[in-house]
Amino acid sequence: MMDTITTATLRFERLLDAPVEKVWRYLVDPELRARWFMGGPTELKVGGGFGLKMDHDNLSDQAVPTPEKYWPCLGTSWEERITRYEPPHLLAFTWDGGAAGEVTFALSATGGKTLLVLTHTGLRGRDDAVNFGGGWHSHLAVLEKRIKGEAVPDFWALHAQAEQMVEKALA
């Protein structure tokens, strides 16, 4: 799958071993979303709230320490706005109220599997690209594992590897 990483836009493609409807549930069901990304109260319609709570300690199946730089973020909750909602194929929402752009998930069926394309546009530069790029790359790795029913021993190890990959891509 092809990933594109620039200081303005991130685009990640993943071929997931599940039908579109299952992957869609992992995007819109707050409890399922919390198992790979962030959950939170969600009003599924254009203009609706897309709740997010950073409980990344719950993403690893083993007890692992959170890196110190993320301590202030743990437990933080906020709400974004849904900008596009076309079930079960398209979900888009703002990030940082739109100041850090828009995130779009597009799903399409391909031979009993689902092609997920995540695009994050409107980044504010290199720091956003590294931060969000490392985050999205690692969260998508967790999503792949959750959909397959596999364990996620250490989310933070995946995250550290993803940040290094993004740094390389931007070098």
N, C-alpha and C. Protein backbone atom coordinates (compact mmCIF):
# COMPACT_ATOMS: atom_id res chain seq x y z
N MET A 1 0.84 -1.18 0.00
CA MET A 1 0.00 0.00 0.00
C MET A 1 0.89 1.24 0.00
N MET A 2 0.37 2.28 -0.58
CA MET A 2 1.14 3.50 -0.77
C MET A 2 0.83 4.53 0.31
N ASP A 3 1.86 5.05 0.97
CA ASP A 3 1.71 6.13 1.94
C ASP A 3 2.39 7.37 1.37
N THR A 4 1.79 8.53 1.61
CA THR A 4 2.37 9.80 1.20
C THR A 4 2.50 10.67 2.43
N ILE A 5 3.69 11.20 2.65
CA ILE A 5 3.95 12.02 3.83
C ILE A 5 4.63 13.30 3.38
N THR A 6 3.94 14.44 3.57
CA THR A 6 4.54 15.74 3.31
C THR A 6 4.26 16.63 4.52
N THR A 7 4.79 17.83 4.51
CA THR A 7 4.55 18.74 5.63
C THR A 7 3.15 19.35 5.59
N ALA A 8 2.39 19.12 4.50
CA ALA A 8 1.04 19.67 4.38
C ALA A 8 -0.04 18.59 4.43
N THR A 9 0.30 17.37 3.98
CA THR A 9 -0.71 16.31 3.84
C THR A 9 -0.12 14.94 4.17
N LEU A 10 -0.92 14.14 4.83
CA LEU A 10 -0.60 12.74 5.08
C LEU A 10 -1.65 11.89 4.40
N ARG A 11 -1.22 10.80 3.77
CA ARG A 11 -2.17 9.88 3.15
C ARG A 11 -1.66 8.46 3.40
N PHE A 12 -2.48 7.66 4.07
CA PHE A 12 -2.13 6.29 4.38
C PHE A 12 -3.17 5.35 3.78
N GLU A 13 -2.71 4.29 3.14
CA GLU A 13 -3.59 3.25 2.60
C GLU A 13 -3.34 1.96 3.36
N ARG A 14 -4.42 1.29 3.74
CA ARG A 14 -4.31 -0.02 4.38
C ARG A 14 -5.36 -0.94 3.79
N LEU A 15 -4.97 -2.15 3.44
CA LEU A 15 -5.91 -3.16 3.00
C LEU A 15 -6.22 -4.03 4.21
N LEU A 16 -7.44 -3.92 4.72
CA LEU A 16 -7.83 -4.59 5.95
C LEU A 16 -8.63 -5.85 5.63
N ASP A 17 -8.35 -6.89 6.38
CA ASP A 17 -8.97 -8.20 6.15
C ASP A 17 -10.33 -8.27 6.84
N ALA A 18 -11.26 -7.46 6.33
CA ALA A 18 -12.62 -7.43 6.88
C ALA A 18 -13.50 -6.70 5.87
N PRO A 19 -14.82 -6.99 5.90
CA PRO A 19 -15.72 -6.26 5.03
C PRO A 19 -15.85 -4.79 5.46
N VAL A 20 -16.28 -3.95 4.54
CA VAL A 20 -16.42 -2.51 4.80
C VAL A 20 -17.26 -2.25 6.05
N GLU A 21 -18.37 -2.97 6.21
CA GLU A 21 -19.26 -2.72 7.34
C GLU A 21 -18.55 -2.91 8.69
N LYS A 22 -17.67 -3.90 8.79
CA LYS A 22 -16.93 -4.12 10.04
C LYS A 22 -15.95 -2.99 10.28
N VAL A 23 -15.21 -2.61 9.26
CA VAL A 23 -14.24 -1.51 9.41
C VAL A 23 -14.98 -0.23 9.78
N TRP A 24 -16.11 0.02 9.14
CA TRP A 24 -16.92 1.21 9.43
C TRP A 24 -17.29 1.27 10.91
N ARG A 25 -17.68 0.12 11.48
CA ARG A 25 -18.03 0.10 12.91
C ARG A 25 -16.83 0.53 13.76
N TYR A 26 -15.62 0.14 13.37
CA TYR A 26 -14.43 0.54 14.13
C TYR A 26 -14.16 2.04 14.03
N LEU A 27 -14.73 2.70 13.03
CA LEU A 27 -14.58 4.15 12.90
C LEU A 27 -15.63 4.91 13.70
N VAL A 28 -16.87 4.42 13.69
CA VAL A 28 -17.97 5.21 14.24
C VAL A 28 -18.45 4.78 15.62
N ASP A 29 -18.19 3.55 16.03
CA ASP A 29 -18.60 3.09 17.36
C ASP A 29 -17.54 3.54 18.36
N PRO A 30 -17.91 4.43 19.29
CA PRO A 30 -16.90 4.97 20.22
C PRO A 30 -16.14 3.91 21.00
N GLU A 31 -16.82 2.82 21.39
CA GLU A 31 -16.13 1.78 22.16
C GLU A 31 -15.11 1.03 21.30
N LEU A 32 -15.48 0.70 20.06
CA LEU A 32 -14.52 0.04 19.17
C LEU A 32 -13.39 1.01 18.78
N ARG A 33 -13.75 2.27 18.54
CA ARG A 33 -12.73 3.26 18.17
C ARG A 33 -11.72 3.45 19.31
N ALA A 34 -12.18 3.35 20.53
CA ALA A 34 -11.28 3.51 21.68
C ALA A 34 -10.26 2.38 21.78
N ARG A 35 -10.52 1.25 21.12
CA ARG A 35 -9.59 0.11 21.17
C ARG A 35 -8.39 0.28 20.23
N TRP A 36 -8.50 1.24 19.28
CA TRP A 36 -7.38 1.44 18.34
C TRP A 36 -6.96 2.89 18.21
N PHE A 37 -7.82 3.83 18.63
CA PHE A 37 -7.53 5.25 18.45
C PHE A 37 -8.01 6.01 19.68
N MET A 38 -9.13 6.68 19.58
CA MET A 38 -9.73 7.40 20.70
C MET A 38 -11.24 7.33 20.57
N GLY A 39 -11.91 7.02 21.66
CA GLY A 39 -13.36 7.01 21.68
C GLY A 39 -13.89 8.33 22.21
N GLY A 40 -15.19 8.41 22.28
CA GLY A 40 -15.83 9.61 22.82
C GLY A 40 -17.22 9.74 22.23
N PRO A 41 -18.08 10.51 22.91
CA PRO A 41 -19.45 10.70 22.43
C PRO A 41 -19.44 11.23 21.00
N THR A 42 -20.27 10.64 20.16
CA THR A 42 -20.26 10.99 18.74
C THR A 42 -21.69 11.12 18.23
N GLU A 43 -21.94 12.20 17.49
CA GLU A 43 -23.23 12.45 16.86
C GLU A 43 -23.04 12.29 15.36
N LEU A 44 -23.43 11.12 14.85
CA LEU A 44 -23.11 10.72 13.49
C LEU A 44 -23.97 11.43 12.45
N LYS A 45 -23.56 12.66 12.11
CA LYS A 45 -24.18 13.45 11.05
C LYS A 45 -23.25 14.62 10.74
N VAL A 46 -23.39 15.18 9.56
CA VAL A 46 -22.59 16.35 9.21
C VAL A 46 -22.90 17.46 10.21
N GLY A 47 -21.87 18.05 10.78
CA GLY A 47 -22.03 19.07 11.81
C GLY A 47 -22.07 18.50 13.21
N GLY A 48 -22.20 17.17 13.33
CA GLY A 48 -22.26 16.52 14.63
C GLY A 48 -20.90 16.50 15.31
N GLY A 49 -20.93 16.32 16.61
CA GLY A 49 -19.70 16.24 17.38
C GLY A 49 -19.04 14.89 17.23
N PHE A 50 -17.71 14.91 17.17
CA PHE A 50 -16.90 13.69 17.09
C PHE A 50 -15.99 13.71 18.32
N GLY A 51 -16.46 13.04 19.38
CA GLY A 51 -15.76 13.08 20.65
C GLY A 51 -14.49 12.24 20.65
N LEU A 52 -13.45 12.78 21.26
CA LEU A 52 -12.16 12.10 21.36
C LEU A 52 -11.64 12.19 22.79
N LYS A 53 -11.15 11.07 23.29
CA LYS A 53 -10.52 11.05 24.62
C LYS A 53 -9.22 10.28 24.51
N MET A 54 -8.13 10.92 24.90
CA MET A 54 -6.82 10.28 24.78
C MET A 54 -6.58 9.35 25.97
N ASP A 55 -6.93 8.08 25.74
CA ASP A 55 -6.70 7.01 26.72
C ASP A 55 -5.72 6.01 26.11
N HIS A 56 -4.60 6.49 25.62
CA HIS A 56 -3.66 5.63 24.90
C HIS A 56 -3.06 4.54 25.77
N ASP A 57 -3.16 4.67 27.10
CA ASP A 57 -2.71 3.59 27.97
C ASP A 57 -3.53 2.33 27.74
N ASN A 58 -4.75 2.47 27.21
CA ASN A 58 -5.63 1.33 26.96
C ASN A 58 -5.38 0.67 25.61
N LEU A 59 -4.46 1.20 24.80
CA LEU A 59 -4.23 0.64 23.47
C LEU A 59 -3.29 -0.56 23.49
N SER A 60 -2.48 -0.66 24.52
CA SER A 60 -1.57 -1.81 24.66
C SER A 60 -2.25 -2.89 25.48
N ASP A 61 -2.01 -4.15 25.10
CA ASP A 61 -2.59 -5.25 25.87
C ASP A 61 -1.74 -5.60 27.09
N GLN A 62 -0.53 -5.08 27.12
CA GLN A 62 0.34 -5.26 28.29
C GLN A 62 0.50 -3.91 28.98
N ALA A 63 0.89 -3.95 30.25
CA ALA A 63 1.16 -2.70 30.96
C ALA A 63 2.50 -2.16 30.48
N VAL A 64 2.46 -1.02 29.82
CA VAL A 64 3.68 -0.38 29.32
C VAL A 64 3.65 1.08 29.73
N PRO A 65 4.82 1.66 29.99
CA PRO A 65 4.84 3.06 30.41
C PRO A 65 4.56 4.01 29.23
N THR A 66 3.82 5.05 29.52
CA THR A 66 3.58 6.11 28.54
C THR A 66 4.82 7.01 28.51
N PRO A 67 5.31 7.35 27.31
CA PRO A 67 6.44 8.28 27.25
C PRO A 67 6.11 9.59 27.95
N GLU A 68 7.08 10.13 28.65
CA GLU A 68 6.87 11.31 29.49
C GLU A 68 6.27 12.49 28.72
N LYS A 69 6.66 12.66 27.45
CA LYS A 69 6.15 13.83 26.72
C LYS A 69 4.64 13.76 26.49
N TYR A 70 4.02 12.56 26.66
CA TYR A 70 2.58 12.42 26.47
C TYR A 70 1.80 12.44 27.77
N TRP A 71 2.47 12.48 28.91
CA TRP A 71 1.77 12.49 30.19
C TRP A 71 0.71 13.60 30.29
N PRO A 72 1.03 14.83 29.87
CA PRO A 72 0.01 15.89 30.01
C PRO A 72 -1.24 15.65 29.17
N CYS A 73 -1.14 14.82 28.14
CA CYS A 73 -2.28 14.59 27.23
C CYS A 73 -3.21 13.49 27.72
N LEU A 74 -2.71 12.58 28.54
CA LEU A 74 -3.51 11.42 28.95
C LEU A 74 -4.79 11.87 29.65
N GLY A 75 -5.89 11.29 29.21
CA GLY A 75 -7.19 11.61 29.80
C GLY A 75 -7.84 12.86 29.22
N THR A 76 -7.15 13.57 28.34
CA THR A 76 -7.70 14.78 27.72
C THR A 76 -8.86 14.40 26.80
N SER A 77 -9.96 15.15 26.90
CA SER A 77 -11.12 14.94 26.03
C SER A 77 -11.42 16.22 25.30
N TRP A 78 -11.89 16.07 24.06
CA TRP A 78 -12.34 17.21 23.29
C TRP A 78 -13.28 16.73 22.20
N GLU A 79 -13.83 17.68 21.47
CA GLU A 79 -14.79 17.34 20.43
C GLU A 79 -14.41 18.04 19.13
N GLU A 80 -14.45 17.29 18.06
CA GLU A 80 -14.26 17.83 16.72
C GLU A 80 -15.61 17.84 16.01
N ARG A 81 -15.67 18.36 14.81
CA ARG A 81 -16.90 18.44 14.02
C ARG A 81 -16.82 17.51 12.82
N ILE A 82 -17.87 16.74 12.60
CA ILE A 82 -17.95 15.89 11.42
C ILE A 82 -18.27 16.79 10.21
N THR A 83 -17.43 16.70 9.19
CA THR A 83 -17.60 17.54 8.00
C THR A 83 -18.19 16.77 6.82
N ARG A 84 -18.00 15.45 6.81
CA ARG A 84 -18.59 14.60 5.77
C ARG A 84 -18.98 13.28 6.43
N TYR A 85 -20.15 12.77 6.05
CA TYR A 85 -20.64 11.53 6.65
C TYR A 85 -21.47 10.80 5.60
N GLU A 86 -20.89 9.74 5.03
CA GLU A 86 -21.54 8.95 4.00
C GLU A 86 -21.37 7.47 4.33
N PRO A 87 -22.18 6.96 5.29
CA PRO A 87 -22.01 5.58 5.73
C PRO A 87 -22.29 4.57 4.61
N PRO A 88 -21.56 3.48 4.55
CA PRO A 88 -20.37 3.13 5.35
C PRO A 88 -19.07 3.38 4.58
N HIS A 89 -18.99 4.47 3.85
CA HIS A 89 -17.81 4.66 3.00
C HIS A 89 -16.97 5.89 3.28
N LEU A 90 -17.51 6.91 3.93
CA LEU A 90 -16.73 8.14 4.10
C LEU A 90 -17.07 8.83 5.41
N LEU A 91 -16.03 9.18 6.14
CA LEU A 91 -16.16 9.93 7.38
C LEU A 91 -15.03 10.95 7.40
N ALA A 92 -15.38 12.21 7.62
CA ALA A 92 -14.36 13.26 7.72
C ALA A 92 -14.69 14.15 8.91
N PHE A 93 -13.65 14.65 9.58
CA PHE A 93 -13.84 15.53 10.73
C PHE A 93 -12.67 16.49 10.85
N THR A 94 -12.91 17.59 11.53
CA THR A 94 -11.86 18.58 11.76
C THR A 94 -10.84 18.05 12.75
N TRP A 95 -9.69 18.71 12.79
CA TRP A 95 -8.72 18.45 13.86
C TRP A 95 -8.32 19.79 14.43
N ASP A 96 -8.35 19.87 15.76
CA ASP A 96 -8.06 21.12 16.46
C ASP A 96 -8.99 22.22 15.95
N GLY A 97 -10.26 21.88 15.82
CA GLY A 97 -11.26 22.83 15.35
C GLY A 97 -11.02 23.30 13.93
N GLY A 98 -10.22 22.54 13.19
CA GLY A 98 -9.89 22.90 11.82
C GLY A 98 -8.52 23.56 11.71
N ALA A 99 -7.95 24.02 12.82
CA ALA A 99 -6.63 24.67 12.78
C ALA A 99 -5.54 23.71 12.33
N ALA A 100 -5.74 22.42 12.61
CA ALA A 100 -4.78 21.39 12.17
C ALA A 100 -5.40 20.55 11.06
N GLY A 101 -6.33 21.14 10.32
CA GLY A 101 -6.84 20.50 9.12
C GLY A 101 -8.04 19.61 9.31
N GLU A 102 -8.14 18.66 8.38
CA GLU A 102 -9.27 17.75 8.32
C GLU A 102 -8.76 16.33 8.08
N VAL A 103 -9.39 15.37 8.75
CA VAL A 103 -9.06 13.96 8.61
C VAL A 103 -10.22 13.28 7.87
N THR A 104 -9.89 12.51 6.83
CA THR A 104 -10.90 11.80 6.06
C THR A 104 -10.56 10.32 6.01
N PHE A 105 -11.54 9.50 6.33
CA PHE A 105 -11.44 8.05 6.16
C PHE A 105 -12.34 7.68 4.99
N ALA A 106 -11.78 7.05 3.97
CA ALA A 106 -12.55 6.55 2.84
C ALA A 106 -12.39 5.03 2.80
N LEU A 107 -13.50 4.33 2.70
CA LEU A 107 -13.50 2.86 2.68
C LEU A 107 -14.09 2.37 1.37
N SER A 108 -13.44 1.37 0.78
CA SER A 108 -13.99 0.74 -0.41
C SER A 108 -13.73 -0.76 -0.35
N ALA A 109 -14.71 -1.52 -0.83
CA ALA A 109 -14.61 -2.98 -0.84
C ALA A 109 -13.72 -3.42 -1.97
N THR A 110 -12.89 -4.43 -1.69
CA THR A 110 -12.04 -5.01 -2.71
C THR A 110 -11.81 -6.48 -2.39
N GLY A 111 -12.53 -7.34 -3.09
CA GLY A 111 -12.37 -8.78 -2.92
C GLY A 111 -12.60 -9.30 -1.52
N GLY A 112 -13.64 -8.85 -0.83
CA GLY A 112 -13.93 -9.32 0.52
C GLY A 112 -13.13 -8.60 1.59
N LYS A 113 -12.25 -7.72 1.18
CA LYS A 113 -11.45 -6.92 2.11
C LYS A 113 -11.86 -5.45 1.96
N THR A 114 -11.24 -4.59 2.77
CA THR A 114 -11.55 -3.17 2.71
C THR A 114 -10.28 -2.38 2.51
N LEU A 115 -10.30 -1.52 1.50
CA LEU A 115 -9.22 -0.55 1.33
C LEU A 115 -9.60 0.68 2.13
N LEU A 116 -8.81 0.98 3.15
CA LEU A 116 -9.00 2.18 3.96
C LEU A 116 -7.96 3.20 3.50
N VAL A 117 -8.42 4.39 3.16
CA VAL A 117 -7.52 5.49 2.83
C VAL A 117 -7.79 6.60 3.83
N LEU A 118 -6.77 6.90 4.64
CA LEU A 118 -6.84 8.00 5.60
C LEU A 118 -6.04 9.15 5.02
N THR A 119 -6.69 10.31 4.90
CA THR A 119 -6.02 11.51 4.41
C THR A 119 -6.18 12.60 5.46
N HIS A 120 -5.07 13.20 5.87
CA HIS A 120 -5.09 14.32 6.82
C HIS A 120 -4.50 15.52 6.09
N THR A 121 -5.35 16.46 5.72
CA THR A 121 -4.92 17.65 4.99
C THR A 121 -4.87 18.86 5.92
N GLY A 122 -4.22 19.91 5.47
CA GLY A 122 -4.19 21.16 6.23
C GLY A 122 -3.21 21.18 7.38
N LEU A 123 -2.17 20.35 7.29
CA LEU A 123 -1.15 20.36 8.35
C LEU A 123 -0.43 21.70 8.36
N ARG A 124 0.07 22.07 9.55
CA ARG A 124 0.71 23.38 9.73
C ARG A 124 2.22 23.32 9.56
N GLY A 125 2.74 22.21 9.04
CA GLY A 125 4.19 22.12 8.83
C GLY A 125 4.78 20.83 9.33
N ARG A 126 6.11 20.85 9.45
CA ARG A 126 6.86 19.64 9.77
C ARG A 126 6.46 19.02 11.11
N ASP A 127 6.30 19.85 12.14
CA ASP A 127 5.95 19.31 13.46
C ASP A 127 4.62 18.56 13.42
N ASP A 128 3.62 19.13 12.73
CA ASP A 128 2.34 18.43 12.58
C ASP A 128 2.53 17.13 11.81
N ALA A 129 3.33 17.17 10.75
CA ALA A 129 3.53 15.97 9.92
C ALA A 129 4.14 14.85 10.76
N VAL A 130 5.12 15.16 11.59
CA VAL A 130 5.76 14.14 12.43
C VAL A 130 4.78 13.66 13.50
N ASN A 131 4.12 14.59 14.17
CA ASN A 131 3.20 14.25 15.24
C ASN A 131 2.03 13.41 14.72
N PHE A 132 1.32 13.94 13.73
CA PHE A 132 0.15 13.23 13.21
C PHE A 132 0.56 12.02 12.38
N GLY A 133 1.64 12.13 11.64
CA GLY A 133 2.09 10.99 10.83
C GLY A 133 2.45 9.80 11.69
N GLY A 134 3.21 10.04 12.75
CA GLY A 134 3.54 8.95 13.68
C GLY A 134 2.31 8.40 14.37
N GLY A 135 1.41 9.31 14.72
CA GLY A 135 0.18 8.88 15.37
C GLY A 135 -0.70 8.04 14.46
N TRP A 136 -1.00 8.57 13.27
CA TRP A 136 -1.88 7.82 12.36
C TRP A 136 -1.26 6.49 11.96
N HIS A 137 0.03 6.48 11.68
CA HIS A 137 0.68 5.23 11.26
C HIS A 137 0.55 4.17 12.37
N SER A 138 0.80 4.56 13.60
CA SER A 138 0.73 3.59 14.70
C SER A 138 -0.71 3.20 15.02
N HIS A 139 -1.64 4.15 14.98
CA HIS A 139 -3.04 3.82 15.25
C HIS A 139 -3.59 2.87 14.18
N LEU A 140 -3.20 3.08 12.93
CA LEU A 140 -3.67 2.18 11.87
C LEU A 140 -3.08 0.78 12.05
N ALA A 141 -1.85 0.69 12.56
CA ALA A 141 -1.26 -0.63 12.85
C ALA A 141 -2.09 -1.34 13.93
N VAL A 142 -2.54 -0.58 14.93
CA VAL A 142 -3.38 -1.16 15.98
C VAL A 142 -4.72 -1.59 15.40
N LEU A 143 -5.30 -0.75 14.54
CA LEU A 143 -6.58 -1.11 13.91
C LEU A 143 -6.45 -2.42 13.13
N GLU A 144 -5.38 -2.57 12.37
CA GLU A 144 -5.17 -3.81 11.62
C GLU A 144 -5.15 -5.01 12.55
N LYS A 145 -4.45 -4.88 13.68
CA LYS A 145 -4.36 -5.98 14.63
C LYS A 145 -5.72 -6.26 15.29
N ARG A 146 -6.43 -5.22 15.68
CA ARG A 146 -7.74 -5.41 16.34
C ARG A 146 -8.71 -6.11 15.39
N ILE A 147 -8.72 -5.71 14.14
CA ILE A 147 -9.64 -6.32 13.17
C ILE A 147 -9.31 -7.79 12.98
N LYS A 148 -8.02 -8.15 13.02
CA LYS A 148 -7.61 -9.55 12.87
C LYS A 148 -7.78 -10.33 14.17
N GLY A 149 -8.07 -9.64 15.28
CA GLY A 149 -8.18 -10.31 16.56
C GLY A 149 -6.82 -10.59 17.19
N GLU A 150 -5.80 -9.87 16.75
CA GLU A 150 -4.44 -10.05 17.27
C GLU A 150 -4.18 -9.11 18.44
N ALA A 151 -3.21 -9.47 19.24
CA ALA A 151 -2.82 -8.66 20.39
C ALA A 151 -1.98 -7.47 19.96
N VAL A 152 -2.01 -6.44 20.78
CA VAL A 152 -1.16 -5.26 20.62
C VAL A 152 -0.34 -5.16 21.90
N PRO A 153 0.85 -5.77 21.91
CA PRO A 153 1.63 -5.79 23.14
C PRO A 153 2.02 -4.39 23.64
N ASP A 154 2.49 -3.50 22.73
CA ASP A 154 3.04 -2.21 23.17
C ASP A 154 2.76 -1.14 22.11
N PHE A 155 1.68 -0.39 22.31
CA PHE A 155 1.35 0.70 21.39
C PHE A 155 2.49 1.70 21.28
N TRP A 156 3.12 2.04 22.40
CA TRP A 156 4.13 3.09 22.39
C TRP A 156 5.37 2.69 21.59
N ALA A 157 5.68 1.40 21.54
CA ALA A 157 6.79 0.93 20.70
C ALA A 157 6.42 1.13 19.23
N LEU A 158 5.18 0.80 18.86
CA LEU A 158 4.72 1.05 17.49
C LEU A 158 4.79 2.54 17.16
N HIS A 159 4.40 3.36 18.11
CA HIS A 159 4.38 4.81 17.91
C HIS A 159 5.80 5.35 17.70
N ALA A 160 6.74 4.90 18.50
CA ALA A 160 8.13 5.35 18.36
C ALA A 160 8.69 4.97 16.99
N GLN A 161 8.41 3.74 16.56
CA GLN A 161 8.86 3.30 15.23
C GLN A 161 8.22 4.15 14.14
N ALA A 162 6.94 4.45 14.29
CA ALA A 162 6.22 5.24 13.29
C ALA A 162 6.78 6.66 13.20
N GLU A 163 7.08 7.27 14.33
CA GLU A 163 7.66 8.62 14.30
C GLU A 163 9.00 8.61 13.59
N GLN A 164 9.82 7.58 13.82
CA GLN A 164 11.11 7.48 13.12
C GLN A 164 10.91 7.32 11.62
N MET A 165 9.91 6.54 11.22
CA MET A 165 9.62 6.35 9.81
C MET A 165 9.21 7.67 9.16
N VAL A 166 8.39 8.45 9.85
CA VAL A 166 7.93 9.73 9.32
C VAL A 166 9.11 10.70 9.22
N GLU A 167 9.95 10.74 10.24
CA GLU A 167 11.14 11.61 10.21
C GLU A 167 11.99 11.28 8.97
N LYS A 168 12.19 9.99 8.71
CA LYS A 168 12.96 9.56 7.52
C LYS A 168 12.30 10.01 6.24
N ALA A 169 10.98 9.85 6.17
CA ALA A 169 10.24 10.21 4.96
C ALA A 169 10.34 11.72 4.67
N LEU A 170 10.45 12.51 5.72
CA LEU A 170 10.53 13.96 5.55
C LEU A 170 11.95 14.48 5.36
N ALA A 171 12.94 13.60 5.59
CA ALA A 171 14.35 14.03 5.50
C ALA A 171 14.73 14.40 4.07
